[in-house]
Amino acid sequence: MTKAELISRVKDSAALSADESTAFFHAFLYIVTAELVAGNEIPLPGFGRFSVKARPARNGRNPRTGEPLEIPACKTTKFTAAKALKDALK
């Protein structure tokens, strides 16, 4: 599903105009991003939970040359599906 298809489905499901559904989509992404940057979790009951996970620094290898290199520590997003979503996918 593309971004345009998702916005269209929101428009149809919520009886919104195209501009309102686009604004909703962008506002949702902005809020989720801001909360994750702040280190907060975002629970969406019945769907899942977005959170931030810290990855420690580790050693790796350049796959092309085989040369060892250090992969720096970073933060990444984590999504954990809710039981209702897992059950719906069965």
N, C-alpha and C. Protein backbone atom coordinates (compact mmCIF):
# COMPACT_ATOMS: atom_id res chain seq x y z
N MET A 1 0.85 -1.17 0.00
CA MET A 1 0.00 0.00 0.00
C MET A 1 0.90 1.23 0.00
N THR A 2 0.57 2.16 -0.85
CA THR A 2 1.35 3.40 -0.92
C THR A 2 0.76 4.43 0.03
N LYS A 3 1.48 5.53 0.21
CA LYS A 3 1.02 6.61 1.06
C LYS A 3 -0.30 7.16 0.54
N ALA A 4 -0.40 7.36 -0.77
CA ALA A 4 -1.62 7.90 -1.37
C ALA A 4 -2.80 6.95 -1.16
N GLU A 5 -2.56 5.65 -1.27
CA GLU A 5 -3.63 4.68 -1.05
C GLU A 5 -4.08 4.68 0.41
N LEU A 6 -3.14 4.80 1.32
CA LEU A 6 -3.48 4.85 2.74
C LEU A 6 -4.30 6.09 3.05
N ILE A 7 -3.91 7.22 2.54
CA ILE A 7 -4.65 8.47 2.76
C ILE A 7 -6.05 8.34 2.17
N SER A 8 -6.17 7.73 1.01
CA SER A 8 -7.48 7.54 0.39
C SER A 8 -8.36 6.64 1.23
N ARG A 9 -7.79 5.58 1.79
CA ARG A 9 -8.57 4.67 2.64
C ARG A 9 -9.02 5.37 3.92
N VAL A 10 -8.15 6.22 4.50
CA VAL A 10 -8.54 7.00 5.69
C VAL A 10 -9.68 7.94 5.32
N LYS A 11 -9.57 8.58 4.17
CA LYS A 11 -10.61 9.50 3.70
C LYS A 11 -11.94 8.79 3.58
N ASP A 12 -11.94 7.62 2.98
CA ASP A 12 -13.18 6.87 2.79
C ASP A 12 -13.74 6.31 4.10
N SER A 13 -12.87 5.80 4.96
CA SER A 13 -13.31 5.18 6.21
C SER A 13 -13.85 6.19 7.21
N ALA A 14 -13.24 7.37 7.27
CA ALA A 14 -13.63 8.36 8.27
C ALA A 14 -14.50 9.47 7.71
N ALA A 15 -14.89 9.36 6.44
CA ALA A 15 -15.72 10.38 5.79
C ALA A 15 -15.09 11.77 5.91
N LEU A 16 -13.79 11.85 5.61
CA LEU A 16 -13.07 13.11 5.63
C LEU A 16 -12.80 13.56 4.20
N SER A 17 -12.46 14.83 4.06
CA SER A 17 -12.04 15.31 2.75
C SER A 17 -10.61 14.86 2.51
N ALA A 18 -10.16 14.96 1.28
CA ALA A 18 -8.79 14.56 0.94
C ALA A 18 -7.79 15.40 1.73
N ASP A 19 -8.05 16.70 1.85
CA ASP A 19 -7.13 17.58 2.60
C ASP A 19 -7.10 17.23 4.08
N GLU A 20 -8.26 16.91 4.65
CA GLU A 20 -8.32 16.55 6.07
C GLU A 20 -7.60 15.23 6.34
N SER A 21 -7.79 14.26 5.46
CA SER A 21 -7.13 12.97 5.69
C SER A 21 -5.62 13.08 5.49
N THR A 22 -5.18 13.92 4.55
CA THR A 22 -3.75 14.16 4.37
C THR A 22 -3.16 14.86 5.59
N ALA A 23 -3.89 15.86 6.11
CA ALA A 23 -3.43 16.57 7.31
C ALA A 23 -3.36 15.62 8.50
N PHE A 24 -4.36 14.74 8.64
CA PHE A 24 -4.36 13.77 9.73
C PHE A 24 -3.14 12.86 9.62
N PHE A 25 -2.88 12.35 8.43
CA PHE A 25 -1.75 11.45 8.21
C PHE A 25 -0.43 12.12 8.59
N HIS A 26 -0.22 13.34 8.11
CA HIS A 26 1.04 14.03 8.42
C HIS A 26 1.15 14.38 9.90
N ALA A 27 0.03 14.76 10.52
CA ALA A 27 0.04 15.05 11.96
C ALA A 27 0.37 13.80 12.76
N PHE A 28 -0.20 12.66 12.37
CA PHE A 28 0.07 11.40 13.06
C PHE A 28 1.56 11.06 12.97
N LEU A 29 2.13 11.16 11.77
CA LEU A 29 3.56 10.86 11.61
C LEU A 29 4.42 11.82 12.43
N TYR A 30 4.07 13.09 12.45
CA TYR A 30 4.84 14.08 13.21
C TYR A 30 4.80 13.76 14.70
N ILE A 31 3.62 13.43 15.22
CA ILE A 31 3.48 13.15 16.65
C ILE A 31 4.23 11.87 17.03
N VAL A 32 4.10 10.82 16.23
CA VAL A 32 4.81 9.57 16.51
C VAL A 32 6.32 9.81 16.49
N THR A 33 6.80 10.53 15.50
CA THR A 33 8.23 10.81 15.40
C THR A 33 8.72 11.62 16.60
N ALA A 34 7.98 12.66 16.97
CA ALA A 34 8.38 13.51 18.10
C ALA A 34 8.42 12.72 19.40
N GLU A 35 7.45 11.86 19.61
CA GLU A 35 7.42 11.06 20.84
C GLU A 35 8.56 10.04 20.88
N LEU A 36 8.87 9.42 19.75
CA LEU A 36 9.97 8.46 19.72
C LEU A 36 11.32 9.17 19.92
N VAL A 37 11.48 10.34 19.33
CA VAL A 37 12.72 11.11 19.53
C VAL A 37 12.89 11.47 21.01
N ALA A 38 11.78 11.75 21.68
CA ALA A 38 11.83 12.08 23.10
C ALA A 38 12.04 10.84 23.97
N GLY A 39 12.02 9.65 23.36
CA GLY A 39 12.26 8.42 24.10
C GLY A 39 11.01 7.79 24.69
N ASN A 40 9.86 8.26 24.28
CA ASN A 40 8.60 7.74 24.82
C ASN A 40 8.08 6.57 23.98
N GLU A 41 7.31 5.72 24.64
CA GLU A 41 6.63 4.63 23.94
C GLU A 41 5.28 5.14 23.44
N ILE A 42 4.79 4.51 22.38
CA ILE A 42 3.48 4.87 21.84
C ILE A 42 2.65 3.59 21.78
N PRO A 43 1.79 3.38 22.79
CA PRO A 43 0.93 2.20 22.75
C PRO A 43 -0.33 2.50 21.95
N LEU A 44 -0.67 1.61 21.04
CA LEU A 44 -1.91 1.71 20.27
C LEU A 44 -2.71 0.45 20.58
N PRO A 45 -3.63 0.52 21.55
CA PRO A 45 -4.35 -0.67 22.00
C PRO A 45 -5.01 -1.41 20.84
N GLY A 46 -4.83 -2.71 20.82
CA GLY A 46 -5.39 -3.54 19.78
C GLY A 46 -4.54 -3.62 18.53
N PHE A 47 -3.51 -2.77 18.44
CA PHE A 47 -2.64 -2.75 17.26
C PHE A 47 -1.21 -3.11 17.64
N GLY A 48 -0.62 -2.36 18.56
CA GLY A 48 0.74 -2.65 18.98
C GLY A 48 1.37 -1.49 19.71
N ARG A 49 2.68 -1.57 19.86
CA ARG A 49 3.42 -0.55 20.62
C ARG A 49 4.70 -0.20 19.86
N PHE A 50 4.91 1.10 19.67
CA PHE A 50 6.16 1.59 19.10
C PHE A 50 7.05 2.03 20.26
N SER A 51 8.33 1.69 20.21
CA SER A 51 9.26 2.12 21.24
C SER A 51 10.64 2.31 20.61
N VAL A 52 11.55 2.85 21.41
CA VAL A 52 12.92 3.08 20.97
C VAL A 52 13.81 2.06 21.64
N LYS A 53 14.69 1.45 20.87
CA LYS A 53 15.61 0.45 21.40
C LYS A 53 17.04 0.93 21.14
N ALA A 54 17.88 0.85 22.15
CA ALA A 54 19.28 1.23 22.01
C ALA A 54 20.08 0.01 21.57
N ARG A 55 20.86 0.19 20.52
CA ARG A 55 21.76 -0.87 20.06
C ARG A 55 23.18 -0.52 20.50
N PRO A 56 23.87 -1.43 21.16
CA PRO A 56 25.24 -1.13 21.58
C PRO A 56 26.20 -1.16 20.39
N ALA A 57 27.35 -0.56 20.58
CA ALA A 57 28.40 -0.64 19.55
C ALA A 57 28.85 -2.09 19.44
N ARG A 58 29.24 -2.47 18.25
CA ARG A 58 29.67 -3.85 18.05
C ARG A 58 30.68 -3.92 16.92
N ASN A 59 31.38 -5.02 16.85
CA ASN A 59 32.34 -5.23 15.78
C ASN A 59 31.64 -5.93 14.62
N GLY A 60 32.07 -5.56 13.41
CA GLY A 60 31.51 -6.18 12.21
C GLY A 60 32.60 -6.34 11.17
N ARG A 61 32.21 -6.74 9.99
CA ARG A 61 33.15 -6.90 8.88
C ARG A 61 32.56 -6.28 7.63
N ASN A 62 33.42 -5.66 6.86
CA ASN A 62 33.03 -5.16 5.55
C ASN A 62 32.82 -6.39 4.67
N PRO A 63 31.62 -6.61 4.14
CA PRO A 63 31.38 -7.84 3.38
C PRO A 63 32.17 -7.89 2.07
N ARG A 64 32.55 -6.76 1.55
CA ARG A 64 33.27 -6.74 0.28
C ARG A 64 34.75 -7.06 0.47
N THR A 65 35.35 -6.47 1.52
CA THR A 65 36.79 -6.65 1.71
C THR A 65 37.14 -7.59 2.86
N GLY A 66 36.18 -7.86 3.74
CA GLY A 66 36.45 -8.69 4.90
C GLY A 66 37.17 -7.94 6.01
N GLU A 67 37.40 -6.65 5.82
CA GLU A 67 38.12 -5.83 6.81
C GLU A 67 37.23 -5.61 8.04
N PRO A 68 37.77 -5.80 9.25
CA PRO A 68 36.97 -5.55 10.45
C PRO A 68 36.70 -4.05 10.61
N LEU A 69 35.53 -3.74 11.17
CA LEU A 69 35.18 -2.35 11.44
C LEU A 69 34.28 -2.30 12.65
N GLU A 70 34.21 -1.14 13.27
CA GLU A 70 33.37 -0.95 14.44
C GLU A 70 32.07 -0.30 13.99
N ILE A 71 30.96 -0.91 14.37
CA ILE A 71 29.64 -0.36 14.08
C ILE A 71 29.24 0.43 15.32
N PRO A 72 29.00 1.74 15.18
CA PRO A 72 28.73 2.57 16.35
C PRO A 72 27.37 2.27 16.99
N ALA A 73 27.23 2.64 18.24
CA ALA A 73 25.96 2.50 18.94
C ALA A 73 24.93 3.42 18.28
N CYS A 74 23.67 2.99 18.31
CA CYS A 74 22.61 3.81 17.73
C CYS A 74 21.29 3.47 18.39
N LYS A 75 20.29 4.25 18.08
CA LYS A 75 18.93 3.98 18.54
C LYS A 75 18.12 3.60 17.32
N THR A 76 17.17 2.69 17.51
CA THR A 76 16.31 2.25 16.43
C THR A 76 14.89 2.10 16.96
N THR A 77 13.93 2.09 16.07
CA THR A 77 12.54 1.90 16.48
C THR A 77 12.23 0.41 16.59
N LYS A 78 11.31 0.11 17.47
CA LYS A 78 10.88 -1.27 17.68
C LYS A 78 9.36 -1.27 17.68
N PHE A 79 8.77 -2.25 17.01
CA PHE A 79 7.33 -2.40 17.02
C PHE A 79 6.99 -3.78 17.57
N THR A 80 6.10 -3.80 18.54
CA THR A 80 5.63 -5.05 19.11
C THR A 80 4.13 -5.14 18.83
N ALA A 81 3.73 -6.16 18.10
CA ALA A 81 2.32 -6.32 17.74
C ALA A 81 1.50 -6.72 18.97
N ALA A 82 0.28 -6.19 19.03
CA ALA A 82 -0.64 -6.54 20.11
C ALA A 82 -1.25 -7.91 19.84
N LYS A 83 -1.77 -8.53 20.89
CA LYS A 83 -2.37 -9.85 20.74
C LYS A 83 -3.51 -9.83 19.73
N ALA A 84 -4.32 -8.79 19.74
CA ALA A 84 -5.44 -8.70 18.80
C ALA A 84 -4.95 -8.70 17.35
N LEU A 85 -3.85 -8.01 17.07
CA LEU A 85 -3.30 -7.99 15.72
C LEU A 85 -2.72 -9.35 15.36
N LYS A 86 -2.02 -9.97 16.29
CA LYS A 86 -1.46 -11.30 16.04
C LYS A 86 -2.57 -12.30 15.76
N ASP A 87 -3.66 -12.23 16.53
CA ASP A 87 -4.79 -13.14 16.32
C ASP A 87 -5.46 -12.89 14.97
N ALA A 88 -5.55 -11.65 14.56
CA ALA A 88 -6.18 -11.31 13.27
C ALA A 88 -5.36 -11.84 12.10
N LEU A 89 -4.05 -11.97 12.29
CA LEU A 89 -3.18 -12.44 11.21
C LEU A 89 -3.15 -13.96 11.10
N LYS A 90 -3.69 -14.65 12.07
CA LYS A 90 -3.67 -16.12 12.03
C LYS A 90 -4.62 -16.65 10.99
